[in-house]
Amino acid sequence: MLSYRHSFHAGNPADVIKHLVLAQVLEYMTRKDKPFDYIDTHSGAGLFELAAKDAQKTQEYLLGIAKLWHYSGQVDAIQDYVELVKSLNRDTLAYYPGSPKVAEQFLRKQDKGWFFELHPQDLKLLEKNTAHKRSLRVKGEDGFKGLMGLVPPHSRRACVLMDPPYEIKSDYEVAARSIIKAHKRFASGIYMIWYPVVDRARIDQMEQTLIESGVKNIQLFELATEADTDERGMTASGMIVINPPWTLKATMDEVLPELVTCLSSDSGFFRSEQLVAE
């Protein structure tokens, strides 16, 4: 259960779509002065050194953030995402931020960040990477359960990112059910579920579980770098967003075709869908 480490995958195309959507949601949250809570159920280490052994073993970042490093296109959301990553580097691409570090760039003095991580090594790194800011709280606990202890938040405003490793096949169902349960306790929060496409049937089932739940206003954004396959390996990934910012769908309709052009093979594609109406 504790074998997954994101350091092997940092900066890949799945991270690009995950963190670009996350940045858009967090920027929207900061448009009001009122405080909010950010809850990250599966946080990882928070920051990744791309010259380290793990990242160099797979070099997945070369297929993702490295292809966008010199992005000169016209899509503002992609430019903003790249600039965010560049702000944590100097002249060259040396570090890639995980979701805690992405969130930190948006969280203000009045906001709180809650980060859950079970892997003992990543937990230590996460504690180190967030120790400089008292408003960032790290817990070495199960994030599925930890989320339930934080909703509804005292601030009455919150966004949640749930991106489990999906090493255990039941994680797909547990993720969907956990978000539905949290939504029943706190219906006005923004909930984001990241998912990998390894077996399309599992994603179809996750979508159906959410569609049949009675939860309203659900959008889905998916980036596929190659066509679905029955062979082993991730071909696509996406974000399901409940109560998305009203700006998000139009932004992703612009972002996703550009990401397909920049990051995918000839068989790449994207999805931008309103799964459930408001």
C-alpha atoms as a PDB file:
ATOM      1  CA  MET A   1       0.000   0.000   0.000  1.00  0.00           C
ATOM      2  CA  LEU A   2       2.911   2.333   0.667  1.00  0.00           C
ATOM      3  CA  SER A   3       5.110   1.542  -2.327  1.00  0.00           C
ATOM      4  CA  TYR A   4       3.988   4.354  -4.659  1.00  0.00           C
ATOM      5  CA  ARG A   5       6.275   7.387  -4.897  1.00  0.00           C
ATOM      6  CA  HIS A   6       5.437  10.251  -7.203  1.00  0.00           C
ATOM      7  CA  SER A   7       9.109  11.196  -7.578  1.00  0.00           C
ATOM      8  CA  PHE A   8       9.310   8.740 -10.507  1.00  0.00           C
ATOM      9  CA  HIS A   9       6.523  10.562 -12.362  1.00  0.00           C
ATOM     10  CA  ALA A  10       6.951  14.240 -11.426  1.00  0.00           C
ATOM     11  CA  GLY A  11       6.304  16.702 -14.234  1.00  0.00           C
ATOM     12  CA  ASN A  12       4.753  14.218 -16.656  1.00  0.00           C
ATOM     13  CA  PRO A  13       1.652  15.034 -18.771  1.00  0.00           C
ATOM     14  CA  ALA A  14      -0.621  13.818 -15.960  1.00  0.00           C
ATOM     15  CA  ASP A  15       0.944  16.376 -13.635  1.00  0.00           C
ATOM     16  CA  VAL A  16       0.518  19.082 -16.248  1.00  0.00           C
ATOM     17  CA  ILE A  17      -3.259  18.728 -16.466  1.00  0.00           C
ATOM     18  CA  LYS A  18      -3.643  18.085 -12.728  1.00  0.00           C
ATOM     19  CA  HIS A  19      -1.680  21.132 -11.634  1.00  0.00           C
ATOM     20  CA  LEU A  20      -2.970  23.429 -14.353  1.00  0.00           C
ATOM     21  CA  VAL A  21      -6.565  22.732 -13.274  1.00  0.00           C
ATOM     22  CA  LEU A  22      -5.572  23.055  -9.610  1.00  0.00           C
ATOM     23  CA  ALA A  23      -3.949  26.430 -10.258  1.00  0.00           C
ATOM     24  CA  GLN A  24      -7.056  27.672 -12.049  1.00  0.00           C
ATOM     25  CA  VAL A  25      -9.293  26.655  -9.145  1.00  0.00           C
ATOM     26  CA  LEU A  26      -7.019  28.171  -6.505  1.00  0.00           C
ATOM     27  CA  GLU A  27      -6.647  31.434  -8.408  1.00  0.00           C
ATOM     28  CA  TYR A  28     -10.435  31.641  -8.542  1.00  0.00           C
ATOM     29  CA  MET A  29     -10.678  31.036  -4.786  1.00  0.00           C
ATOM     30  CA  THR A  30      -8.355  33.959  -4.082  1.00  0.00           C
ATOM     31  CA  ARG A  31     -10.581  36.425  -5.949  1.00  0.00           C
ATOM     32  CA  LYS A  32     -12.471  36.918  -2.684  1.00  0.00           C
ATOM     33  CA  ASP A  33     -10.736  38.163   0.453  1.00  0.00           C
ATOM     34  CA  LYS A  34     -12.587  35.619   2.595  1.00  0.00           C
ATOM     35  CA  PRO A  35     -10.332  32.796   3.877  1.00  0.00           C
ATOM     36  CA  PHE A  36     -10.598  29.272   2.534  1.00  0.00           C
ATOM     37  CA  ASP A  37      -9.239  25.813   3.283  1.00  0.00           C
ATOM     38  CA  TYR A  38      -7.290  23.724   0.792  1.00  0.00           C
ATOM     39  CA  ILE A  39      -7.390  19.973   1.496  1.00  0.00           C
ATOM     40  CA  ASP A  40      -4.934  17.665  -0.297  1.00  0.00           C
ATOM     41  CA  THR A  41      -5.709  14.016   0.499  1.00  0.00           C
ATOM     42  CA  HIS A  42      -2.665  12.352  -1.106  1.00  0.00           C
ATOM     43  CA  SER A  43       0.069  14.965  -1.062  1.00  0.00           C
ATOM     44  CA  GLY A  44       3.382  13.266  -1.827  1.00  0.00           C
ATOM     45  CA  ALA A  45       6.665  15.000  -1.035  1.00  0.00           C
ATOM     46  CA  GLY A  46       5.594  18.443  -2.253  1.00  0.00           C
ATOM     47  CA  LEU A  47       8.653  19.264  -4.364  1.00  0.00           C
ATOM     48  CA  PHE A  48      10.744  17.085  -6.677  1.00  0.00           C
ATOM     49  CA  GLU A  49      14.340  17.416  -7.838  1.00  0.00           C
ATOM     50  CA  LEU A  50      14.430  16.316 -11.468  1.00  0.00           C
ATOM     51  CA  ALA A  51      18.136  15.459 -11.391  1.00  0.00           C
ATOM     52  CA  ALA A  52      17.501  12.935  -8.598  1.00  0.00           C
ATOM     53  CA  LYS A  53      17.713   9.199  -9.230  1.00  0.00           C
ATOM     54  CA  ASP A  54      13.963   8.533  -9.232  1.00  0.00           C
ATOM     55  CA  ALA A  55      13.094  11.208 -11.794  1.00  0.00           C
ATOM     56  CA  GLN A  56      16.068  10.299 -13.956  1.00  0.00           C
ATOM     57  CA  LYS A  57      15.122   6.626 -13.990  1.00  0.00           C
ATOM     58  CA  THR A  58      11.903   7.318 -15.902  1.00  0.00           C
ATOM     59  CA  GLN A  59      12.489  10.881 -17.196  1.00  0.00           C
ATOM     60  CA  GLU A  60       8.737  11.314 -17.579  1.00  0.00           C
ATOM     61  CA  TYR A  61       9.109  15.066 -17.115  1.00  0.00           C
ATOM     62  CA  LEU A  62      10.652  15.192 -20.593  1.00  0.00           C
ATOM     63  CA  LEU A  63       7.227  14.282 -21.968  1.00  0.00           C
ATOM     64  CA  GLY A  64       5.447  16.919 -19.901  1.00  0.00           C
ATOM     65  CA  ILE A  65       6.753  20.124 -18.340  1.00  0.00           C
ATOM     66  CA  ALA A  66      10.009  20.043 -20.335  1.00  0.00           C
ATOM     67  CA  LYS A  67       8.042  20.295 -23.590  1.00  0.00           C
ATOM     68  CA  LEU A  68       6.271  23.388 -22.258  1.00  0.00           C
ATOM     69  CA  TRP A  69       9.316  25.071 -20.701  1.00  0.00           C
ATOM     70  CA  HIS A  70       9.757  27.401 -23.684  1.00  0.00           C
ATOM     71  CA  TYR A  71       6.042  27.658 -24.442  1.00  0.00           C
ATOM     72  CA  SER A  72       5.340  30.630 -26.707  1.00  0.00           C
ATOM     73  CA  GLY A  73       1.702  29.983 -27.567  1.00  0.00           C
ATOM     74  CA  GLN A  74      -1.273  32.217 -26.926  1.00  0.00           C
ATOM     75  CA  VAL A  75      -3.109  30.293 -24.205  1.00  0.00           C
ATOM     76  CA  ASP A  76      -2.844  32.330 -21.018  1.00  0.00           C
ATOM     77  CA  ALA A  77      -3.612  29.463 -18.628  1.00  0.00           C
ATOM     78  CA  ILE A  78      -0.695  27.430 -19.998  1.00  0.00           C
ATOM     79  CA  GLN A  79       1.624  30.430 -19.798  1.00  0.00           C
ATOM     80  CA  ASP A  80       0.542  31.034 -16.192  1.00  0.00           C
ATOM     81  CA  TYR A  81       1.171  27.390 -15.276  1.00  0.00           C
ATOM     82  CA  VAL A  82       4.639  27.416 -16.835  1.00  0.00           C
ATOM     83  CA  GLU A  83       5.477  30.683 -15.067  1.00  0.00           C
ATOM     84  CA  LEU A  84       4.417  29.138 -11.761  1.00  0.00           C
ATOM     85  CA  VAL A  85       6.861  26.261 -12.280  1.00  0.00           C
ATOM     86  CA  LYS A  86       9.575  28.669 -13.409  1.00  0.00           C
ATOM     87  CA  SER A  87       9.133  30.704 -10.217  1.00  0.00           C
ATOM     88  CA  LEU A  88      10.469  27.700  -8.283  1.00  0.00           C
ATOM     89  CA  ASN A  89      13.507  27.371 -10.540  1.00  0.00           C
ATOM     90  CA  ARG A  90      16.285  29.616 -11.790  1.00  0.00           C
ATOM     91  CA  ASP A  91      17.288  29.574 -15.441  1.00  0.00           C
ATOM     92  CA  THR A  92      16.790  25.878 -16.119  1.00  0.00           C
ATOM     93  CA  LEU A  93      14.228  23.250 -15.202  1.00  0.00           C
ATOM     94  CA  ALA A  94      15.596  21.623 -12.037  1.00  0.00           C
ATOM     95  CA  TYR A  95      12.577  21.296  -9.716  1.00  0.00           C
ATOM     96  CA  TYR A  96       8.955  20.395 -10.224  1.00  0.00           C
ATOM     97  CA  PRO A  97       6.287  21.331  -7.661  1.00  0.00           C
ATOM     98  CA  GLY A  98       3.842  18.767  -6.394  1.00  0.00           C
ATOM     99  CA  SER A  99       0.320  19.850  -5.516  1.00  0.00           C
ATOM    100  CA  PRO A 100       1.307  21.152  -2.027  1.00  0.00           C
ATOM    101  CA  LYS A 101       3.861  23.512  -3.541  1.00  0.00           C
ATOM    102  CA  VAL A 102       1.456  24.584  -6.273  1.00  0.00           C
ATOM    103  CA  ALA A 103      -1.150  25.342  -3.616  1.00  0.00           C
ATOM    104  CA  GLU A 104       1.330  27.257  -1.482  1.00  0.00           C
ATOM    105  CA  GLN A 105       1.783  29.791  -4.277  1.00  0.00           C
ATOM    106  CA  PHE A 106      -1.890  30.779  -3.872  1.00  0.00           C
ATOM    107  CA  LEU A 107      -2.592  30.330  -0.155  1.00  0.00           C
ATOM    108  CA  ARG A 108      -2.622  33.638   1.721  1.00  0.00           C
ATOM    109  CA  LYS A 109      -2.162  34.461   5.411  1.00  0.00           C
ATOM    110  CA  GLN A 110      -5.849  33.920   6.095  1.00  0.00           C
ATOM    111  CA  ASP A 111      -6.025  30.550   4.290  1.00  0.00           C
ATOM    112  CA  LYS A 112      -5.141  27.073   5.561  1.00  0.00           C
ATOM    113  CA  GLY A 113      -3.595  24.116   3.764  1.00  0.00           C
ATOM    114  CA  TRP A 114      -4.174  20.541   4.951  1.00  0.00           C
ATOM    115  CA  PHE A 115      -1.888  17.837   3.546  1.00  0.00           C
ATOM    116  CA  PHE A 116      -2.167  14.072   4.082  1.00  0.00           C
ATOM    117  CA  GLU A 117       0.558  11.554   3.252  1.00  0.00           C
ATOM    118  CA  LEU A 118       1.151   7.966   4.419  1.00  0.00           C
ATOM    119  CA  HIS A 119       4.475   7.033   2.772  1.00  0.00           C
ATOM    120  CA  PRO A 120       7.055   7.509   5.569  1.00  0.00           C
ATOM    121  CA  GLN A 121       9.821   8.931   3.367  1.00  0.00           C
ATOM    122  CA  ASP A 122       7.520  11.287   1.493  1.00  0.00           C
ATOM    123  CA  LEU A 123       5.912  12.345   4.770  1.00  0.00           C
ATOM    124  CA  LYS A 124       9.299  13.502   6.091  1.00  0.00           C
ATOM    125  CA  LEU A 125      10.011  15.392   2.874  1.00  0.00           C
ATOM    126  CA  LEU A 126       6.554  16.953   2.914  1.00  0.00           C
ATOM    127  CA  GLU A 127       7.027  18.127   6.504  1.00  0.00           C
ATOM    128  CA  LYS A 128      10.358  19.671   5.518  1.00  0.00           C
ATOM    129  CA  ASN A 129       8.905  21.350   2.422  1.00  0.00           C
ATOM    130  CA  THR A 130       6.031  22.938   4.367  1.00  0.00           C
ATOM    131  CA  ALA A 131       7.725  23.692   7.709  1.00  0.00           C
ATOM    132  CA  HIS A 132       8.335  27.357   6.865  1.00  0.00           C
ATOM    133  CA  LYS A 133       4.632  28.254   6.925  1.00  0.00           C
ATOM    134  CA  ARG A 134       2.476  27.714  10.018  1.00  0.00           C
ATOM    135  CA  SER A 135      -0.767  27.747   8.040  1.00  0.00           C
ATOM    136  CA  LEU A 136       0.256  24.524   6.260  1.00  0.00           C
ATOM    137  CA  ARG A 137      -0.699  21.446   8.282  1.00  0.00           C
ATOM    138  CA  VAL A 138       0.771  18.024   7.484  1.00  0.00           C
ATOM    139  CA  LYS A 139      -0.789  14.794   8.743  1.00  0.00           C
ATOM    140  CA  GLY A 140       0.605  11.280   8.403  1.00  0.00           C
ATOM    141  CA  GLU A 141      -2.869   9.828   8.030  1.00  0.00           C
ATOM    142  CA  ASP A 142      -5.185   8.217   5.482  1.00  0.00           C
ATOM    143  CA  GLY A 143      -6.413  11.122   3.377  1.00  0.00           C
ATOM    144  CA  PHE A 144      -9.721   9.448   2.523  1.00  0.00           C
ATOM    145  CA  LYS A 145     -10.604   9.399   6.222  1.00  0.00           C
ATOM    146  CA  GLY A 146      -8.850  12.675   6.988  1.00  0.00           C
ATOM    147  CA  LEU A 147     -11.045  14.568   4.549  1.00  0.00           C
ATOM    148  CA  MET A 148     -14.153  13.597   6.530  1.00  0.00           C
ATOM    149  CA  GLY A 149     -12.718  15.186   9.643  1.00  0.00           C
ATOM    150  CA  LEU A 150     -12.278  18.537   7.904  1.00  0.00           C
ATOM    151  CA  VAL A 151     -15.660  19.068   6.246  1.00  0.00           C
ATOM    152  CA  PRO A 152     -17.455  21.296   6.714  1.00  0.00           C
ATOM    153  CA  PRO A 153     -14.488  23.642   7.343  1.00  0.00           C
ATOM    154  CA  HIS A 154     -14.636  26.538   9.791  1.00  0.00           C
ATOM    155  CA  SER A 155     -14.043  28.950   6.897  1.00  0.00           C
ATOM    156  CA  ARG A 156     -17.147  27.641   5.060  1.00  0.00           C
ATOM    157  CA  ARG A 157     -15.059  27.851   1.868  1.00  0.00           C
ATOM    158  CA  ALA A 158     -12.865  24.995   0.650  1.00  0.00           C
ATOM    159  CA  CYS A 159     -11.423  23.155  -2.310  1.00  0.00           C
ATOM    160  CA  VAL A 160     -10.297  19.543  -2.170  1.00  0.00           C
ATOM    161  CA  LEU A 161      -7.820  17.642  -4.346  1.00  0.00           C
ATOM    162  CA  MET A 162      -8.002  13.849  -4.201  1.00  0.00           C
ATOM    163  CA  ASP A 163      -5.362  12.048  -6.261  1.00  0.00           C
ATOM    164  CA  PRO A 164      -4.628   8.617  -4.785  1.00  0.00           C
ATOM    165  CA  PRO A 165      -2.002   6.414  -6.465  1.00  0.00           C
ATOM    166  CA  TYR A 166      -4.654   3.896  -7.590  1.00  0.00           C
ATOM    167  CA  GLU A 167      -2.261   1.018  -6.873  1.00  0.00           C
ATOM    168  CA  ILE A 168      -5.204  -0.694  -5.214  1.00  0.00           C
ATOM    169  CA  LYS A 169      -8.028  -1.232  -7.702  1.00  0.00           C
ATOM    170  CA  SER A 170     -10.640  -0.311  -5.096  1.00  0.00           C
ATOM    171  CA  ASP A 171      -9.209   3.243  -4.959  1.00  0.00           C
ATOM    172  CA  TYR A 172     -11.348   4.228  -7.965  1.00  0.00           C
ATOM    173  CA  GLU A 173     -14.544   3.397  -6.112  1.00  0.00           C
ATOM    174  CA  VAL A 174     -13.262   4.652  -2.761  1.00  0.00           C
ATOM    175  CA  ALA A 175     -12.277   8.009  -4.289  1.00  0.00           C
ATOM    176  CA  ALA A 176     -15.712   8.532  -5.848  1.00  0.00           C
ATOM    177  CA  ARG A 177     -17.587   7.434  -2.727  1.00  0.00           C
ATOM    178  CA  SER A 178     -15.392   9.568  -0.450  1.00  0.00           C
ATOM    179  CA  ILE A 179     -16.065  12.682  -2.492  1.00  0.00           C
ATOM    180  CA  ILE A 180     -19.801  11.964  -2.557  1.00  0.00           C
ATOM    181  CA  LYS A 181     -19.793  11.536   1.238  1.00  0.00           C
ATOM    182  CA  ALA A 182     -17.814  14.752   1.744  1.00  0.00           C
ATOM    183  CA  HIS A 183     -20.187  16.598  -0.590  1.00  0.00           C
ATOM    184  CA  LYS A 184     -23.166  15.502   1.538  1.00  0.00           C
ATOM    185  CA  ARG A 185     -21.496  17.142   4.547  1.00  0.00           C
ATOM    186  CA  PHE A 186     -20.360  20.250   2.684  1.00  0.00           C
ATOM    187  CA  ALA A 187     -22.170  20.748  -0.606  1.00  0.00           C
ATOM    188  CA  SER A 188     -20.664  24.119  -1.571  1.00  0.00           C
ATOM    189  CA  GLY A 189     -17.008  23.011  -1.683  1.00  0.00           C
ATOM    190  CA  ILE A 190     -15.022  22.552  -4.891  1.00  0.00           C
ATOM    191  CA  TYR A 191     -13.954  18.909  -5.210  1.00  0.00           C
ATOM    192  CA  MET A 192     -11.302  17.693  -7.677  1.00  0.00           C
ATOM    193  CA  ILE A 193     -10.550  14.027  -8.377  1.00  0.00           C
ATOM    194  CA  TRP A 194      -7.505  13.194 -10.478  1.00  0.00           C
ATOM    195  CA  TYR A 195      -7.617   9.844 -12.280  1.00  0.00           C
ATOM    196  CA  PRO A 196      -5.291   7.814 -14.547  1.00  0.00           C
ATOM    197  CA  VAL A 197      -6.571   5.962 -17.597  1.00  0.00           C
ATOM    198  CA  VAL A 198      -5.009   2.508 -17.481  1.00  0.00           C
ATOM    199  CA  ASP A 199      -8.246   0.570 -17.836  1.00  0.00           C
ATOM    200  CA  ARG A 200     -10.988   2.693 -19.424  1.00  0.00           C
ATOM    201  CA  ALA A 201     -13.715   0.575 -17.842  1.00  0.00           C
ATOM    202  CA  ARG A 202     -12.677   1.727 -14.374  1.00  0.00           C
ATOM    203  CA  ILE A 203     -13.014   5.378 -15.393  1.00  0.00           C
ATOM    204  CA  ASP A 204     -16.392   4.703 -16.971  1.00  0.00           C
ATOM    205  CA  GLN A 205     -17.536   3.161 -13.685  1.00  0.00           C
ATOM    206  CA  MET A 206     -16.188   6.084 -11.644  1.00  0.00           C
ATOM    207  CA  GLU A 207     -18.027   8.537 -13.879  1.00  0.00           C
ATOM    208  CA  GLN A 208     -21.253   6.540 -13.603  1.00  0.00           C
ATOM    209  CA  THR A 209     -20.990   6.415  -9.801  1.00  0.00           C
ATOM    210  CA  LEU A 210     -20.714  10.207  -9.687  1.00  0.00           C
ATOM    211  CA  ILE A 211     -23.458  10.765 -12.276  1.00  0.00           C
ATOM    212  CA  GLU A 212     -25.881   8.550 -10.334  1.00  0.00           C
ATOM    213  CA  SER A 213     -25.001  10.104  -6.957  1.00  0.00           C
ATOM    214  CA  GLY A 214     -27.333  13.065  -7.230  1.00  0.00           C
ATOM    215  CA  VAL A 215     -24.420  15.516  -7.035  1.00  0.00           C
ATOM    216  CA  LYS A 216     -24.909  18.450  -9.401  1.00  0.00           C
ATOM    217  CA  ASN A 217     -22.503  20.484 -11.532  1.00  0.00           C
ATOM    218  CA  ILE A 218     -19.756  17.998 -12.402  1.00  0.00           C
ATOM    219  CA  GLN A 219     -17.227  18.649 -15.168  1.00  0.00           C
ATOM    220  CA  LEU A 220     -14.518  16.375 -16.590  1.00  0.00           C
ATOM    221  CA  PHE A 221     -11.246  17.352 -18.281  1.00  0.00           C
ATOM    222  CA  GLU A 222      -9.003  14.661 -19.764  1.00  0.00           C
ATOM    223  CA  LEU A 223      -5.720  14.719 -21.658  1.00  0.00           C
ATOM    224  CA  ALA A 224      -4.708  11.620 -23.625  1.00  0.00           C
ATOM    225  CA  THR A 225      -1.208  11.517 -25.055  1.00  0.00           C
ATOM    226  CA  GLU A 226      -2.070   8.372 -26.995  1.00  0.00           C
ATOM    227  CA  ALA A 227      -5.095   6.231 -27.772  1.00  0.00           C
ATOM    228  CA  ASP A 228      -6.613   3.894 -25.179  1.00  0.00           C
ATOM    229  CA  THR A 229      -4.979   0.481 -25.127  1.00  0.00           C
ATOM    230  CA  ASP A 230      -5.477  -2.879 -23.427  1.00  0.00           C
ATOM    231  CA  GLU A 231      -1.740  -3.089 -22.842  1.00  0.00           C
ATOM    232  CA  ARG A 232      -0.151  -2.097 -19.549  1.00  0.00           C
ATOM    233  CA  GLY A 233       0.461   1.587 -18.845  1.00  0.00           C
ATOM    234  CA  MET A 234      -1.267   4.945 -18.498  1.00  0.00           C
ATOM    235  CA  THR A 235      -2.367   6.532 -21.773  1.00  0.00           C
ATOM    236  CA  ALA A 236      -4.364   9.448 -20.378  1.00  0.00           C
ATOM    237  CA  SER A 237      -5.365  11.183 -17.176  1.00  0.00           C
ATOM    238  CA  GLY A 238      -7.942  13.683 -16.125  1.00  0.00           C
ATOM    239  CA  MET A 239      -9.616  15.791 -13.499  1.00  0.00           C
ATOM    240  CA  ILE A 240     -13.249  15.523 -12.444  1.00  0.00           C
ATOM    241  CA  VAL A 241     -14.365  18.774 -10.808  1.00  0.00           C
ATOM    242  CA  ILE A 242     -17.506  19.256  -8.728  1.00  0.00           C
ATOM    243  CA  ASN A 243     -18.734  22.848  -8.317  1.00  0.00           C
ATOM    244  CA  PRO A 244     -16.077  24.161 -10.715  1.00  0.00           C
ATOM    245  CA  PRO A 245     -15.408  27.886 -11.094  1.00  0.00           C
ATOM    246  CA  TRP A 246     -17.729  29.286 -13.754  1.00  0.00           C
ATOM    247  CA  THR A 247     -14.630  30.205 -15.770  1.00  0.00           C
ATOM    248  CA  LEU A 248     -13.066  26.731 -15.822  1.00  0.00           C
ATOM    249  CA  LYS A 249     -14.882  25.050 -18.715  1.00  0.00           C
ATOM    250  CA  ALA A 250     -14.129  27.860 -21.182  1.00  0.00           C
ATOM    251  CA  THR A 251     -10.500  27.930 -20.055  1.00  0.00           C
ATOM    252  CA  MET A 252     -10.036  24.183 -20.480  1.00  0.00           C
ATOM    253  CA  ASP A 253     -11.770  24.243 -23.874  1.00  0.00           C
ATOM    254  CA  GLU A 254      -8.871  26.474 -24.913  1.00  0.00           C
ATOM    255  CA  VAL A 255      -6.150  24.663 -22.963  1.00  0.00           C
ATOM    256  CA  LEU A 256      -6.781  21.039 -23.894  1.00  0.00           C
ATOM    257  CA  PRO A 257      -6.448  21.218 -27.703  1.00  0.00           C
ATOM    258  CA  GLU A 258      -3.186  23.113 -27.197  1.00  0.00           C
ATOM    259  CA  LEU A 259      -1.869  20.494 -24.767  1.00  0.00           C
ATOM    260  CA  VAL A 260      -2.742  17.724 -27.221  1.00  0.00           C
ATOM    261  CA  THR A 261      -0.694  19.564 -29.857  1.00  0.00           C
ATOM    262  CA  CYS A 262       2.239  20.165 -27.522  1.00  0.00           C
ATOM    263  CA  LEU A 263       2.400  16.884 -25.611  1.00  0.00           C
ATOM    264  CA  SER A 264       0.696  14.041 -27.458  1.00  0.00           C
ATOM    265  CA  SER A 265       1.310  11.640 -30.292  1.00  0.00           C
ATOM    266  CA  ASP A 266      -0.838  11.576 -33.420  1.00  0.00           C
ATOM    267  CA  SER A 267      -3.389   9.427 -31.575  1.00  0.00           C
ATOM    268  CA  GLY A 268      -3.743  11.847 -28.653  1.00  0.00           C
ATOM    269  CA  PHE A 269      -7.104  13.386 -27.806  1.00  0.00           C
ATOM    270  CA  PHE A 270      -8.921  15.324 -25.122  1.00  0.00           C
ATOM    271  CA  ARG A 271     -12.274  15.399 -23.335  1.00  0.00           C
ATOM    272  CA  SER A 272     -13.964  18.488 -21.906  1.00  0.00           C
ATOM    273  CA  GLU A 273     -17.434  17.578 -20.717  1.00  0.00           C
ATOM    274  CA  GLN A 274     -20.229  18.657 -18.405  1.00  0.00           C
ATOM    275  CA  LEU A 275     -21.022  15.282 -16.832  1.00  0.00           C
ATOM    276  CA  VAL A 276     -23.868  16.613 -14.688  1.00  0.00           C
ATOM    277  CA  ALA A 277     -25.643  19.939 -15.145  1.00  0.00           C
ATOM    278  CA  GLU A 278     -25.842  22.596 -12.438  1.00  0.00           C
END
